[in-house]
Amino acid sequence: MKVFRTITLSRLPAEGMAIFPFILLRKEEYKRNRVLINHERIHLQQQLELLIIPFYLLYLINYLYNLVLYREHHKAYLNIVFEREAYKKEGDLQYLRKRRFFAWFAC
């Protein structure tokens, strides 16, 4: 069941972004990219289980920690625990049906 809404924003700095309850996409055709949508849906689930605001705080803290550790934006971003789970599981379109609570913690 679809519980999110997709919005296209051509000036979005990324291909996609999840800000509960929306999935923001840079291009209209990305709505047909099932892997990208699944990646963002994983983030929506992460946001829900952390009651939204704490997710953003933990995301930012983890990014800043990684930035100090790796001294490179892209490497810091890819090593955020939430991104690791989403990238690892984005290709499994059934993942959210079997995903365990706080699965990002193990990534």
Protein backbone atom coordinates (compact mmCIF):
# COMPACT_ATOMS: atom_id res chain seq x y z
CA MET A 1 0.00 0.00 0.00
CA LYS A 2 1.32 3.42 -0.97
CA VAL A 3 1.46 5.81 2.00
CA PHE A 4 3.73 8.45 0.52
CA ARG A 5 3.45 11.10 -2.15
CA THR A 6 6.07 11.82 -4.79
CA ILE A 7 6.87 15.41 -5.70
CA THR A 8 9.14 16.51 -8.55
CA LEU A 9 11.52 19.40 -7.82
CA SER A 10 13.93 20.14 -10.67
CA ARG A 11 16.33 21.99 -8.36
CA LEU A 12 16.71 19.12 -5.92
CA PRO A 13 20.43 18.60 -5.22
CA ALA A 14 20.05 14.78 -5.40
CA GLU A 15 18.15 12.33 -7.60
CA GLY A 16 15.80 11.62 -4.72
CA MET A 17 15.19 12.50 -1.10
CA ALA A 18 12.76 11.28 1.55
CA ILE A 19 11.20 13.84 3.85
CA PHE A 20 8.29 12.17 5.58
CA PRO A 21 5.70 11.68 4.16
CA PHE A 22 7.08 12.75 0.78
CA ILE A 23 9.54 11.36 -1.70
CA LEU A 24 11.11 14.25 -3.58
CA LEU A 25 12.50 13.52 -7.03
CA ARG A 26 14.57 15.70 -9.35
CA LYS A 27 12.94 14.39 -12.55
CA GLU A 28 9.42 13.20 -13.34
CA GLU A 29 10.75 10.03 -15.01
CA TYR A 30 12.37 8.97 -11.72
CA LYS A 31 8.87 8.02 -10.54
CA ARG A 32 9.28 4.88 -12.68
CA ASN A 33 12.67 4.01 -11.18
CA ARG A 34 11.62 1.25 -8.80
CA VAL A 35 15.07 0.92 -7.19
CA LEU A 36 15.28 4.67 -6.44
CA ILE A 37 11.73 4.69 -5.04
CA ASN A 38 12.54 1.64 -2.91
CA HIS A 39 15.69 3.35 -1.60
CA GLU A 40 13.64 6.37 -0.54
CA ARG A 41 10.88 4.19 0.93
CA ILE A 42 13.50 2.53 3.13
CA HIS A 43 14.38 6.01 4.42
CA LEU A 44 10.70 6.73 5.10
CA GLN A 45 10.53 3.56 7.21
CA GLN A 46 13.69 4.58 9.08
CA GLN A 47 12.15 7.99 9.75
CA LEU A 48 8.94 6.46 11.07
CA GLU A 49 10.66 4.09 13.48
CA LEU A 50 12.71 6.95 14.93
CA LEU A 51 9.67 9.25 15.13
CA ILE A 52 10.96 11.47 12.30
CA ILE A 53 12.85 14.31 14.04
CA PRO A 54 15.37 12.04 15.84
CA PHE A 55 16.09 10.43 12.45
CA TYR A 56 17.24 13.76 11.02
CA LEU A 57 19.34 14.50 14.09
CA LEU A 58 21.03 11.10 13.99
CA TYR A 59 21.50 11.38 10.23
CA LEU A 60 23.24 14.76 10.61
CA ILE A 61 25.38 13.65 13.56
CA ASN A 62 26.44 10.48 11.72
CA TYR A 63 27.27 12.50 8.60
CA LEU A 64 29.36 15.03 10.55
CA TYR A 65 31.20 12.25 12.38
CA ASN A 66 31.91 10.54 9.05
CA LEU A 67 33.06 13.81 7.53
CA VAL A 68 35.67 14.18 10.26
CA LEU A 69 36.61 10.51 9.88
CA TYR A 70 36.82 10.36 6.07
CA ARG A 71 37.42 14.05 5.21
CA GLU A 72 35.37 13.64 2.04
CA HIS A 73 31.67 14.43 1.53
CA HIS A 74 30.79 11.48 -0.72
CA LYS A 75 32.51 8.89 1.47
CA ALA A 76 30.96 10.43 4.59
CA TYR A 77 27.50 10.32 2.97
CA LEU A 78 27.82 6.70 1.80
CA ASN A 79 28.84 5.62 5.31
CA ILE A 80 25.84 7.09 7.12
CA VAL A 81 24.20 4.04 8.71
CA PHE A 82 20.83 4.88 7.14
CA GLU A 83 22.37 5.16 3.67
CA ARG A 84 24.27 1.91 4.09
CA GLU A 85 21.03 0.04 4.72
CA ALA A 86 19.18 1.80 1.89
CA TYR A 87 21.93 1.22 -0.68
CA LYS A 88 22.46 -2.37 0.42
CA LYS A 89 18.76 -3.26 0.15
CA GLU A 90 17.44 -0.89 -2.56
CA GLY A 91 17.50 -3.62 -5.22
CA ASP A 92 15.36 -5.98 -3.12
CA LEU A 93 11.88 -4.70 -3.94
CA GLN A 94 10.37 -7.02 -1.28
CA TYR A 95 12.73 -5.85 1.45
CA LEU A 96 10.29 -3.61 3.31
CA ARG A 97 7.88 -6.53 3.73
CA LYS A 98 10.48 -8.55 5.64
CA ARG A 99 12.59 -5.75 7.12
CA ARG A 100 13.19 -5.92 10.86
CA PHE A 101 12.69 -2.96 13.14
CA PHE A 102 15.86 -0.83 13.45
CA ALA A 103 17.58 -2.87 10.71
CA TRP A 104 19.82 0.14 9.98
CA PHE A 105 21.51 -0.40 13.35
CA ALA A 106 23.17 -3.58 12.06
CA CYS A 107 24.52 -1.96 8.89
